[in-house]
Amino acid sequence: MKTVRELFLELDEWKAYEANSTMSNIAKINHISRVKREIANRIDVEEYRDYILFKEKG
């Protein structure tokens, strides 16, 4: 199982990837979505509640 740090590194790599075709662009978008979902599932929302509410307030 990858750490959250490794997942963020993977996310950054996929965001920087330049797709050469429509199919590879679709694969890129799907992979980015999967990694974001995995990160979100691993983060404890209660632990970051104050930060999230502060950011929402702007």
PDB file of N, CA and C in Angstrom:
ATOM      1  N   MET A   1       0.843  -1.176   0.000  1.00  0.00           N
ATOM      2  CA  MET A   1       0.000   0.000   0.000  1.00  0.00           C
ATOM      3  C   MET A   1       0.894   1.246   0.000  1.00  0.00           C
ATOM      4  N   LYS A   2       0.563   2.186  -0.843  1.00  0.00           N
ATOM      5  CA  LYS A   2       1.344   3.420  -0.945  1.00  0.00           C
ATOM      6  C   LYS A   2       0.987   4.377   0.186  1.00  0.00           C
ATOM      7  N   THR A   3       1.975   5.170   0.568  1.00  0.00           N
ATOM      8  CA  THR A   3       1.714   6.203   1.568  1.00  0.00           C
ATOM      9  C   THR A   3       1.005   7.369   0.895  1.00  0.00           C
ATOM     10  N   VAL A   4       0.439   8.257   1.692  1.00  0.00           N
ATOM     11  CA  VAL A   4      -0.229   9.436   1.145  1.00  0.00           C
ATOM     12  C   VAL A   4       0.788  10.299   0.402  1.00  0.00           C
ATOM     13  N   ARG A   5       1.996  10.384   0.926  1.00  0.00           N
ATOM     14  CA  ARG A   5       3.058  11.143   0.251  1.00  0.00           C
ATOM     15  C   ARG A   5       3.325  10.569  -1.142  1.00  0.00           C
ATOM     16  N   GLU A   6       3.410   9.254  -1.236  1.00  0.00           N
ATOM     17  CA  GLU A   6       3.638   8.605  -2.531  1.00  0.00           C
ATOM     18  C   GLU A   6       2.469   8.849  -3.481  1.00  0.00           C
ATOM     19  N   LEU A   7       1.267   8.855  -2.944  1.00  0.00           N
ATOM     20  CA  LEU A   7       0.097   9.124  -3.781  1.00  0.00           C
ATOM     21  C   LEU A   7       0.126  10.549  -4.325  1.00  0.00           C
ATOM     22  N   PHE A   8       0.522  11.507  -3.488  1.00  0.00           N
ATOM     23  CA  PHE A   8       0.627  12.886  -3.969  1.00  0.00           C
ATOM     24  C   PHE A   8       1.713  13.014  -5.032  1.00  0.00           C
ATOM     25  N   LEU A   9       2.820  12.308  -4.871  1.00  0.00           N
ATOM     26  CA  LEU A   9       3.873  12.325  -5.894  1.00  0.00           C
ATOM     27  C   LEU A   9       3.356  11.732  -7.205  1.00  0.00           C
ATOM     28  N   GLU A  10       2.617  10.633  -7.090  1.00  0.00           N
ATOM     29  CA  GLU A  10       2.033  10.017  -8.277  1.00  0.00           C
ATOM     30  C   GLU A  10       1.048  10.969  -8.948  1.00  0.00           C
ATOM     31  N   LEU A  11       0.248  11.655  -8.153  1.00  0.00           N
ATOM     32  CA  LEU A  11      -0.709  12.625  -8.688  1.00  0.00           C
ATOM     33  C   LEU A  11       0.016  13.735  -9.445  1.00  0.00           C
ATOM     34  N   ASP A  12       1.082  14.255  -8.862  1.00  0.00           N
ATOM     35  CA  ASP A  12       1.862  15.302  -9.530  1.00  0.00           C
ATOM     36  C   ASP A  12       2.447  14.815 -10.853  1.00  0.00           C
ATOM     37  N   GLU A  13       2.938  13.577 -10.869  1.00  0.00           N
ATOM     38  CA  GLU A  13       3.500  13.011 -12.103  1.00  0.00           C
ATOM     39  C   GLU A  13       2.436  12.886 -13.185  1.00  0.00           C
ATOM     40  N   TRP A  14       1.253  12.412 -12.808  1.00  0.00           N
ATOM     41  CA  TRP A  14       0.186  12.259 -13.789  1.00  0.00           C
ATOM     42  C   TRP A  14      -0.333  13.598 -14.284  1.00  0.00           C
ATOM     43  N   LYS A  15      -0.373  14.607 -13.408  1.00  0.00           N
ATOM     44  CA  LYS A  15      -0.801  15.937 -13.846  1.00  0.00           C
ATOM     45  C   LYS A  15       0.185  16.530 -14.849  1.00  0.00           C
ATOM     46  N   ALA A  16       1.460  16.216 -14.694  1.00  0.00           N
ATOM     47  CA  ALA A  16       2.493  16.743 -15.589  1.00  0.00           C
ATOM     48  C   ALA A  16       2.570  15.965 -16.909  1.00  0.00           C
ATOM     49  N   TYR A  17       2.022  14.761 -16.931  1.00  0.00           N
ATOM     50  CA  TYR A  17       2.064  13.908 -18.122  1.00  0.00           C
ATOM     51  C   TYR A  17       1.300  14.566 -19.265  1.00  0.00           C
ATOM     52  N   GLU A  18       1.923  14.576 -20.446  1.00  0.00           N
ATOM     53  CA  GLU A  18       1.262  15.135 -21.625  1.00  0.00           C
ATOM     54  C   GLU A  18       0.810  13.992 -22.523  1.00  0.00           C
ATOM     55  N   ALA A  19      -0.486  13.849 -22.644  1.00  0.00           N
ATOM     56  CA  ALA A  19      -1.067  12.769 -23.442  1.00  0.00           C
ATOM     57  C   ALA A  19      -0.861  13.036 -24.926  1.00  0.00           C
ATOM     58  N   ASN A  20      -0.613  11.960 -25.673  1.00  0.00           N
ATOM     59  CA  ASN A  20      -0.374  12.078 -27.107  1.00  0.00           C
ATOM     60  C   ASN A  20      -1.603  11.782 -27.951  1.00  0.00           C
ATOM     61  N   SER A  21      -2.632  11.247 -27.312  1.00  0.00           N
ATOM     62  CA  SER A  21      -3.842  10.912 -28.055  1.00  0.00           C
ATOM     63  C   SER A  21      -5.054  11.072 -27.148  1.00  0.00           C
ATOM     64  N   THR A  22      -6.206  10.977 -27.743  1.00  0.00           N
ATOM     65  CA  THR A  22      -7.445  11.088 -26.973  1.00  0.00           C
ATOM     66  C   THR A  22      -7.550   9.965 -25.957  1.00  0.00           C
ATOM     67  N   MET A  23      -7.201   8.751 -26.355  1.00  0.00           N
ATOM     68  CA  MET A  23      -7.291   7.603 -25.448  1.00  0.00           C
ATOM     69  C   MET A  23      -6.327   7.753 -24.268  1.00  0.00           C
ATOM     70  N   SER A  24      -5.123   8.218 -24.525  1.00  0.00           N
ATOM     71  CA  SER A  24      -4.189   8.380 -23.407  1.00  0.00           C
ATOM     72  C   SER A  24      -4.602   9.545 -22.520  1.00  0.00           C
ATOM     73  N   ASN A  25      -5.277  10.544 -23.080  1.00  0.00           N
ATOM     74  CA  ASN A  25      -5.788  11.643 -22.268  1.00  0.00           C
ATOM     75  C   ASN A  25      -6.928  11.157 -21.366  1.00  0.00           C
ATOM     76  N   ILE A  26      -7.779  10.304 -21.890  1.00  0.00           N
ATOM     77  CA  ILE A  26      -8.856   9.725 -21.083  1.00  0.00           C
ATOM     78  C   ILE A  26      -8.261   8.883 -19.950  1.00  0.00           C
ATOM     79  N   ALA A  27      -7.236   8.094 -20.277  1.00  0.00           N
ATOM     80  CA  ALA A  27      -6.572   7.274 -19.264  1.00  0.00           C
ATOM     81  C   ALA A  27      -5.941   8.162 -18.196  1.00  0.00           C
ATOM     82  N   LYS A  28      -5.341   9.273 -18.616  1.00  0.00           N
ATOM     83  CA  LYS A  28      -4.733  10.220 -17.679  1.00  0.00           C
ATOM     84  C   LYS A  28      -5.788  10.775 -16.726  1.00  0.00           C
ATOM     85  N   ILE A  29      -6.905  11.223 -17.263  1.00  0.00           N
ATOM     86  CA  ILE A  29      -7.982  11.796 -16.449  1.00  0.00           C
ATOM     87  C   ILE A  29      -8.518  10.756 -15.470  1.00  0.00           C
ATOM     88  N   ASN A  30      -8.714   9.533 -15.940  1.00  0.00           N
ATOM     89  CA  ASN A  30      -9.216   8.464 -15.072  1.00  0.00           C
ATOM     90  C   ASN A  30      -8.224   8.136 -13.966  1.00  0.00           C
ATOM     91  N   HIS A  31      -6.948   8.099 -14.309  1.00  0.00           N
ATOM     92  CA  HIS A  31      -5.928   7.780 -13.304  1.00  0.00           C
ATOM     93  C   HIS A  31      -5.840   8.888 -12.253  1.00  0.00           C
ATOM     94  N   ILE A  32      -5.893  10.129 -12.680  1.00  0.00           N
ATOM     95  CA  ILE A  32      -5.864  11.255 -11.745  1.00  0.00           C
ATOM     96  C   ILE A  32      -7.066  11.179 -10.805  1.00  0.00           C
ATOM     97  N   SER A  33      -8.227  10.879 -11.343  1.00  0.00           N
ATOM     98  CA  SER A  33      -9.433  10.752 -10.514  1.00  0.00           C
ATOM     99  C   SER A  33      -9.291   9.635  -9.494  1.00  0.00           C
ATOM    100  N   ARG A  34      -8.733   8.505  -9.910  1.00  0.00           N
ATOM    101  CA  ARG A  34      -8.551   7.376  -9.010  1.00  0.00           C
ATOM    102  C   ARG A  34      -7.590   7.710  -7.881  1.00  0.00           C
ATOM    103  N   VAL A  35      -6.474   8.373  -8.214  1.00  0.00           N
ATOM    104  CA  VAL A  35      -5.490   8.735  -7.198  1.00  0.00           C
ATOM    105  C   VAL A  35      -6.083   9.756  -6.226  1.00  0.00           C
ATOM    106  N   LYS A  36      -6.818  10.746  -6.731  1.00  0.00           N
ATOM    107  CA  LYS A  36      -7.462  11.732  -5.850  1.00  0.00           C
ATOM    108  C   LYS A  36      -8.451  11.059  -4.905  1.00  0.00           C
ATOM    109  N   ARG A  37      -9.213  10.114  -5.434  1.00  0.00           N
ATOM    110  CA  ARG A  37     -10.189   9.394  -4.618  1.00  0.00           C
ATOM    111  C   ARG A  37      -9.482   8.582  -3.526  1.00  0.00           C
ATOM    112  N   GLU A  38      -8.373   7.950  -3.895  1.00  0.00           N
ATOM    113  CA  GLU A  38      -7.619   7.170  -2.921  1.00  0.00           C
ATOM    114  C   GLU A  38      -7.032   8.063  -1.827  1.00  0.00           C
ATOM    115  N   ILE A  39      -6.537   9.235  -2.210  1.00  0.00           N
ATOM    116  CA  ILE A  39      -6.018  10.193  -1.221  1.00  0.00           C
ATOM    117  C   ILE A  39      -7.145  10.630  -0.294  1.00  0.00           C
ATOM    118  N   ALA A  40      -8.283  10.982  -0.864  1.00  0.00           N
ATOM    119  CA  ALA A  40      -9.421  11.437  -0.059  1.00  0.00           C
ATOM    120  C   ALA A  40      -9.876  10.363   0.920  1.00  0.00           C
ATOM    121  N   ASN A  41      -9.836   9.118   0.512  1.00  0.00           N
ATOM    122  CA  ASN A  41     -10.245   8.025   1.388  1.00  0.00           C
ATOM    123  C   ASN A  41      -9.263   7.795   2.530  1.00  0.00           C
ATOM    124  N   ARG A  42      -8.031   8.198   2.339  1.00  0.00           N
ATOM    125  CA  ARG A  42      -7.002   7.962   3.352  1.00  0.00           C
ATOM    126  C   ARG A  42      -6.860   9.100   4.350  1.00  0.00           C
ATOM    127  N   ILE A  43      -7.432  10.262   4.045  1.00  0.00           N
ATOM    128  CA  ILE A  43      -7.295  11.427   4.921  1.00  0.00           C
ATOM    129  C   ILE A  43      -8.419  11.443   5.941  1.00  0.00           C
ATOM    130  N   ASP A  44      -8.059  11.655   7.189  1.00  0.00           N
ATOM    131  CA  ASP A  44      -9.038  11.754   8.269  1.00  0.00           C
ATOM    132  C   ASP A  44      -9.570  13.189   8.303  1.00  0.00           C
ATOM    133  N   VAL A  45     -10.814  13.354   7.885  1.00  0.00           N
ATOM    134  CA  VAL A  45     -11.421  14.680   7.783  1.00  0.00           C
ATOM    135  C   VAL A  45     -11.476  15.372   9.142  1.00  0.00           C
ATOM    136  N   GLU A  46     -11.762  14.629  10.187  1.00  0.00           N
ATOM    137  CA  GLU A  46     -11.850  15.218  11.525  1.00  0.00           C
ATOM    138  C   GLU A  46     -10.518  15.822  11.958  1.00  0.00           C
ATOM    139  N   GLU A  47      -9.442  15.190  11.566  1.00  0.00           N
ATOM    140  CA  GLU A  47      -8.116  15.689  11.932  1.00  0.00           C
ATOM    141  C   GLU A  47      -7.830  17.049  11.289  1.00  0.00           C
ATOM    142  N   TYR A  48      -8.369  17.282  10.103  1.00  0.00           N
ATOM    143  CA  TYR A  48      -8.114  18.521   9.361  1.00  0.00           C
ATOM    144  C   TYR A  48      -9.325  19.443   9.327  1.00  0.00           C
ATOM    145  N   ARG A  49     -10.275  19.194  10.188  1.00  0.00           N
ATOM    146  CA  ARG A  49     -11.518  19.958  10.206  1.00  0.00           C
ATOM    147  C   ARG A  49     -11.290  21.466  10.316  1.00  0.00           C
ATOM    148  N   ASP A  50     -10.487  21.898  11.285  1.00  0.00           N
ATOM    149  CA  ASP A  50     -10.246  23.330  11.483  1.00  0.00           C
ATOM    150  C   ASP A  50      -9.623  23.956  10.232  1.00  0.00           C
ATOM    151  N   TYR A  51      -8.676  23.279   9.634  1.00  0.00           N
ATOM    152  CA  TYR A  51      -8.019  23.794   8.430  1.00  0.00           C
ATOM    153  C   TYR A  51      -9.024  23.924   7.293  1.00  0.00           C
ATOM    154  N   ILE A  52      -9.860  22.904   7.100  1.00  0.00           N
ATOM    155  CA  ILE A  52     -10.844  22.916   6.021  1.00  0.00           C
ATOM    156  C   ILE A  52     -11.835  24.057   6.225  1.00  0.00           C
ATOM    157  N   LEU A  53     -12.318  24.223   7.435  1.00  0.00           N
ATOM    158  CA  LEU A  53     -13.274  25.293   7.706  1.00  0.00           C
ATOM    159  C   LEU A  53     -12.627  26.668   7.540  1.00  0.00           C
ATOM    160  N   PHE A  54     -11.361  26.793   7.934  1.00  0.00           N
ATOM    161  CA  PHE A  54     -10.641  28.051   7.753  1.00  0.00           C
ATOM    162  C   PHE A  54     -10.508  28.385   6.271  1.00  0.00           C
ATOM    163  N   LYS A  55     -10.164  27.399   5.447  1.00  0.00           N
ATOM    164  CA  LYS A  55     -10.005  27.617   4.001  1.00  0.00           C
ATOM    165  C   LYS A  55     -11.348  27.972   3.364  1.00  0.00           C
ATOM    166  N   GLU A  56     -12.427  27.383   3.860  1.00  0.00           N
ATOM    167  CA  GLU A  56     -13.749  27.668   3.306  1.00  0.00           C
ATOM    168  C   GLU A  56     -14.147  29.113   3.581  1.00  0.00           C
ATOM    169  N   LYS A  57     -13.761  29.606   4.748  1.00  0.00           N
ATOM    170  CA  LYS A  57     -14.105  30.976   5.131  1.00  0.00           C
ATOM    171  C   LYS A  57     -13.395  31.990   4.238  1.00  0.00           C
ATOM    172  N   GLY A  58     -12.219  31.593   3.761  1.00  0.00           N
ATOM    173  CA  GLY A  58     -11.496  32.434   2.819  1.00  0.00           C
ATOM    174  C   GLY A  58     -10.777  33.531   3.451  1.00  0.00           C
TER     175      GLY A  58
END
